Amino acid sequence: MSTTTEANVWVTEDTWHRLLGQDVAHPNSGRHGTVGAVLIYVSKLTGRPVRKVAHMRPMDHSGREWTADPDTLQPLRPVSPPAPDNGTHS
């Protein structure tokens, strides 16, 4: 996990986000792309996340990358849920 700073927030990469590397649709723009990174902006004052931003590469090879709130993205293929912990990990 890498962290950088901006004026009033810490910016951290969410390397475990469920959509990372997944092909997604962005209904607000009508575009399709592959999630390359998800960044979390955390307030330096409160320590709470203030926003998340997903960075997508286009599937149409247009070269025009874009960002969006990851909660607005829809996977194009089902994303496997995390494996249940059957008491084998503590």
N, C-alpha and C. Protein backbone atom coordinates (compact mmCIF):
# COMPACT_ATOMS: atom_id res chain seq x y z
N MET A 1 0.84 -1.16 0.00
CA MET A 1 0.00 0.00 0.00
C MET A 1 0.89 1.23 0.00
N SER A 2 0.69 2.12 -0.95
CA SER A 2 1.49 3.33 -1.00
C SER A 2 0.67 4.51 -0.52
N THR A 3 1.33 5.47 0.09
CA THR A 3 0.66 6.64 0.61
C THR A 3 1.40 7.90 0.19
N THR A 4 0.66 8.89 -0.28
CA THR A 4 1.23 10.20 -0.57
C THR A 4 0.35 11.23 0.13
N THR A 5 0.82 12.46 0.19
CA THR A 5 0.02 13.49 0.85
C THR A 5 -0.40 14.56 -0.14
N GLU A 6 -1.57 15.16 0.11
CA GLU A 6 -2.04 16.35 -0.57
C GLU A 6 -2.34 17.35 0.53
N ALA A 7 -2.94 18.47 0.21
CA ALA A 7 -3.14 19.55 1.17
C ALA A 7 -3.77 19.10 2.49
N ASN A 8 -4.97 18.57 2.47
CA ASN A 8 -5.66 18.21 3.70
C ASN A 8 -6.00 16.73 3.81
N VAL A 9 -5.45 15.93 2.89
CA VAL A 9 -5.77 14.50 2.88
C VAL A 9 -4.53 13.67 2.65
N TRP A 10 -4.61 12.43 3.11
CA TRP A 10 -3.64 11.40 2.73
C TRP A 10 -4.27 10.67 1.57
N VAL A 11 -3.47 10.27 0.58
CA VAL A 11 -3.97 9.49 -0.55
C VAL A 11 -3.31 8.12 -0.49
N THR A 12 -4.14 7.10 -0.38
CA THR A 12 -3.66 5.73 -0.24
C THR A 12 -4.26 4.87 -1.34
N GLU A 13 -3.47 3.97 -1.91
CA GLU A 13 -3.98 3.06 -2.93
C GLU A 13 -4.61 1.85 -2.25
N ASP A 14 -5.84 1.51 -2.68
CA ASP A 14 -6.55 0.34 -2.17
C ASP A 14 -6.17 -0.85 -3.04
N THR A 15 -5.13 -1.57 -2.63
CA THR A 15 -4.61 -2.68 -3.44
C THR A 15 -5.44 -3.95 -3.32
N TRP A 16 -6.48 -3.93 -2.46
CA TRP A 16 -7.34 -5.10 -2.27
C TRP A 16 -8.76 -4.85 -2.75
N HIS A 17 -9.02 -3.75 -3.47
CA HIS A 17 -10.39 -3.45 -3.89
C HIS A 17 -10.92 -4.55 -4.79
N ARG A 18 -12.19 -4.92 -4.61
CA ARG A 18 -12.77 -6.06 -5.34
C ARG A 18 -12.85 -5.84 -6.84
N LEU A 19 -12.83 -4.59 -7.31
CA LEU A 19 -12.93 -4.33 -8.75
C LEU A 19 -11.57 -4.16 -9.42
N LEU A 20 -10.51 -4.18 -8.67
CA LEU A 20 -9.17 -3.97 -9.23
C LEU A 20 -8.88 -5.03 -10.30
N GLY A 21 -8.54 -4.58 -11.49
CA GLY A 21 -8.25 -5.49 -12.60
C GLY A 21 -9.48 -6.01 -13.32
N GLN A 22 -10.67 -5.61 -12.87
CA GLN A 22 -11.92 -6.09 -13.47
C GLN A 22 -12.40 -5.16 -14.58
N ASP A 23 -13.09 -5.74 -15.58
CA ASP A 23 -13.74 -4.96 -16.61
C ASP A 23 -15.07 -4.47 -16.05
N VAL A 24 -15.33 -3.17 -16.20
CA VAL A 24 -16.52 -2.57 -15.61
C VAL A 24 -17.23 -1.65 -16.60
N ALA A 25 -18.49 -1.39 -16.31
CA ALA A 25 -19.27 -0.38 -17.03
C ALA A 25 -19.44 0.81 -16.09
N HIS A 26 -19.39 2.00 -16.67
CA HIS A 26 -19.63 3.23 -15.92
C HIS A 26 -20.91 3.85 -16.49
N PRO A 27 -22.06 3.55 -15.86
CA PRO A 27 -23.35 4.00 -16.40
C PRO A 27 -23.44 5.51 -16.61
N ASN A 28 -22.80 6.31 -15.76
CA ASN A 28 -22.89 7.77 -15.89
C ASN A 28 -22.29 8.28 -17.19
N SER A 29 -21.26 7.60 -17.70
CA SER A 29 -20.61 8.06 -18.93
C SER A 29 -20.90 7.13 -20.11
N GLY A 30 -21.42 5.93 -19.84
CA GLY A 30 -21.67 4.97 -20.90
C GLY A 30 -20.41 4.27 -21.38
N ARG A 31 -19.31 4.44 -20.66
CA ARG A 31 -18.04 3.85 -21.08
C ARG A 31 -17.79 2.52 -20.38
N HIS A 32 -16.92 1.71 -20.99
CA HIS A 32 -16.46 0.45 -20.41
C HIS A 32 -14.95 0.52 -20.29
N GLY A 33 -14.43 -0.04 -19.19
CA GLY A 33 -12.99 -0.02 -19.00
C GLY A 33 -12.54 -1.04 -17.98
N THR A 34 -11.24 -1.06 -17.76
CA THR A 34 -10.62 -1.95 -16.78
C THR A 34 -10.08 -1.10 -15.64
N VAL A 35 -10.45 -1.47 -14.42
CA VAL A 35 -10.01 -0.71 -13.25
C VAL A 35 -8.52 -0.98 -13.02
N GLY A 36 -7.73 0.07 -13.07
CA GLY A 36 -6.29 -0.05 -12.89
C GLY A 36 -5.82 0.31 -11.50
N ALA A 37 -6.60 1.17 -10.81
CA ALA A 37 -6.24 1.59 -9.46
C ALA A 37 -7.47 2.16 -8.77
N VAL A 38 -7.50 2.02 -7.47
CA VAL A 38 -8.53 2.66 -6.64
C VAL A 38 -7.78 3.41 -5.54
N LEU A 39 -8.02 4.71 -5.47
CA LEU A 39 -7.37 5.55 -4.46
C LEU A 39 -8.38 5.95 -3.40
N ILE A 40 -7.91 5.98 -2.15
CA ILE A 40 -8.74 6.40 -1.02
C ILE A 40 -8.14 7.69 -0.48
N TYR A 41 -8.96 8.73 -0.37
CA TYR A 41 -8.55 10.02 0.19
C TYR A 41 -9.03 10.06 1.63
N VAL A 42 -8.09 10.20 2.57
CA VAL A 42 -8.38 10.17 4.00
C VAL A 42 -8.05 11.53 4.61
N SER A 43 -9.02 12.09 5.36
CA SER A 43 -8.82 13.39 6.00
C SER A 43 -7.68 13.31 7.01
N LYS A 44 -6.77 14.28 6.95
CA LYS A 44 -5.68 14.34 7.93
C LYS A 44 -6.23 14.75 9.30
N LEU A 45 -7.34 15.49 9.32
CA LEU A 45 -7.90 15.96 10.59
C LEU A 45 -8.66 14.88 11.34
N THR A 46 -9.47 14.10 10.61
CA THR A 46 -10.33 13.10 11.26
C THR A 46 -9.84 11.67 11.12
N GLY A 47 -8.99 11.41 10.12
CA GLY A 47 -8.55 10.05 9.86
C GLY A 47 -9.59 9.21 9.14
N ARG A 48 -10.67 9.84 8.70
CA ARG A 48 -11.76 9.11 8.02
C ARG A 48 -11.66 9.30 6.50
N PRO A 49 -12.06 8.26 5.76
CA PRO A 49 -12.08 8.40 4.30
C PRO A 49 -13.08 9.47 3.89
N VAL A 50 -12.68 10.32 2.95
CA VAL A 50 -13.59 11.36 2.46
C VAL A 50 -14.07 11.06 1.04
N ARG A 51 -13.33 10.25 0.29
CA ARG A 51 -13.78 9.80 -1.02
C ARG A 51 -12.88 8.70 -1.54
N LYS A 52 -13.40 7.96 -2.52
CA LYS A 52 -12.65 6.94 -3.24
C LYS A 52 -12.74 7.27 -4.72
N VAL A 53 -11.67 6.99 -5.44
CA VAL A 53 -11.63 7.27 -6.88
C VAL A 53 -11.03 6.06 -7.59
N ALA A 54 -11.77 5.54 -8.57
CA ALA A 54 -11.26 4.44 -9.40
C ALA A 54 -10.71 5.04 -10.69
N HIS A 55 -9.59 4.50 -11.15
CA HIS A 55 -8.97 4.92 -12.40
C HIS A 55 -9.15 3.79 -13.41
N MET A 56 -9.74 4.12 -14.56
CA MET A 56 -10.03 3.10 -15.57
C MET A 56 -9.28 3.35 -16.87
N ARG A 57 -8.91 2.23 -17.51
CA ARG A 57 -8.35 2.27 -18.87
C ARG A 57 -9.48 1.81 -19.79
N PRO A 58 -9.67 2.50 -20.91
CA PRO A 58 -10.79 2.18 -21.80
C PRO A 58 -10.62 0.84 -22.51
N MET A 59 -11.75 0.16 -22.69
CA MET A 59 -11.73 -1.11 -23.42
C MET A 59 -11.80 -0.88 -24.93
N ASP A 60 -12.18 0.34 -25.35
CA ASP A 60 -12.30 0.62 -26.79
C ASP A 60 -10.98 1.09 -27.40
N HIS A 61 -9.90 1.04 -26.60
CA HIS A 61 -8.55 1.41 -27.06
C HIS A 61 -8.46 2.87 -27.51
N SER A 62 -9.36 3.72 -27.00
CA SER A 62 -9.33 5.13 -27.38
C SER A 62 -8.16 5.85 -26.71
N GLY A 63 -7.64 5.27 -25.62
CA GLY A 63 -6.53 5.89 -24.92
C GLY A 63 -6.97 6.94 -23.92
N ARG A 64 -8.25 7.23 -23.83
CA ARG A 64 -8.76 8.26 -22.93
C ARG A 64 -9.14 7.63 -21.59
N GLU A 65 -8.20 7.65 -20.66
CA GLU A 65 -8.48 7.12 -19.33
C GLU A 65 -9.39 8.08 -18.58
N TRP A 66 -10.10 7.57 -17.57
CA TRP A 66 -10.98 8.42 -16.78
C TRP A 66 -11.10 7.90 -15.37
N THR A 67 -11.70 8.72 -14.51
CA THR A 67 -11.89 8.35 -13.11
C THR A 67 -13.37 8.38 -12.77
N ALA A 68 -13.74 7.64 -11.72
CA ALA A 68 -15.12 7.61 -11.25
C ALA A 68 -15.15 7.08 -9.83
N ASP A 69 -16.24 7.33 -9.16
CA ASP A 69 -16.49 6.76 -7.84
C ASP A 69 -16.65 5.25 -8.04
N PRO A 70 -15.86 4.41 -7.37
CA PRO A 70 -15.96 2.96 -7.59
C PRO A 70 -17.33 2.39 -7.25
N ASP A 71 -18.09 3.07 -6.38
CA ASP A 71 -19.42 2.58 -6.03
C ASP A 71 -20.42 2.73 -7.18
N THR A 72 -20.07 3.52 -8.21
CA THR A 72 -20.97 3.70 -9.35
C THR A 72 -20.67 2.73 -10.48
N LEU A 73 -19.61 1.94 -10.35
CA LEU A 73 -19.20 1.02 -11.42
C LEU A 73 -19.92 -0.31 -11.32
N GLN A 74 -20.19 -0.91 -12.47
CA GLN A 74 -20.84 -2.21 -12.53
C GLN A 74 -19.92 -3.21 -13.22
N PRO A 75 -19.59 -4.32 -12.55
CA PRO A 75 -18.73 -5.32 -13.18
C PRO A 75 -19.40 -5.90 -14.42
N LEU A 76 -18.62 -6.12 -15.48
CA LEU A 76 -19.16 -6.74 -16.69
C LEU A 76 -19.27 -8.25 -16.55
N ARG A 77 -18.49 -8.81 -15.63
CA ARG A 77 -18.57 -10.24 -15.30
C ARG A 77 -18.73 -10.34 -13.79
N PRO A 78 -19.39 -11.39 -13.31
CA PRO A 78 -19.54 -11.52 -11.85
C PRO A 78 -18.19 -11.52 -11.15
N VAL A 79 -18.13 -10.80 -10.04
CA VAL A 79 -16.92 -10.76 -9.22
C VAL A 79 -17.10 -11.76 -8.11
N SER A 80 -16.12 -12.64 -7.95
CA SER A 80 -16.20 -13.65 -6.89
C SER A 80 -16.15 -12.98 -5.53
N PRO A 81 -17.05 -13.38 -4.63
CA PRO A 81 -16.97 -12.84 -3.27
C PRO A 81 -15.75 -13.41 -2.56
N PRO A 82 -15.29 -12.76 -1.50
CA PRO A 82 -14.16 -13.31 -0.76
C PRO A 82 -14.49 -14.71 -0.24
N ALA A 83 -13.50 -15.56 -0.21
CA ALA A 83 -13.69 -16.92 0.30
C ALA A 83 -14.04 -16.87 1.79
N PRO A 84 -14.99 -17.67 2.22
CA PRO A 84 -15.34 -17.66 3.64
C PRO A 84 -14.19 -18.19 4.49
N ASP A 85 -14.06 -17.62 5.66
CA ASP A 85 -13.04 -18.06 6.60
C ASP A 85 -13.66 -19.17 7.46
N ASN A 86 -13.23 -20.37 7.25
CA ASN A 86 -13.78 -21.53 7.97
C ASN A 86 -13.01 -21.83 9.24
N GLY A 87 -12.50 -20.77 9.86
CA GLY A 87 -11.76 -20.97 11.09
C GLY A 87 -10.33 -21.39 10.86
N THR A 88 -9.86 -21.34 9.60
CA THR A 88 -8.49 -21.77 9.32
C THR A 88 -7.51 -20.61 9.46
N HIS A 89 -8.03 -19.37 9.54
CA HIS A 89 -7.18 -18.20 9.72
C HIS A 89 -7.59 -17.51 11.00
N SER A 90 -6.61 -16.96 11.69
CA SER A 90 -6.95 -16.22 12.91
C SER A 90 -6.55 -14.78 12.80
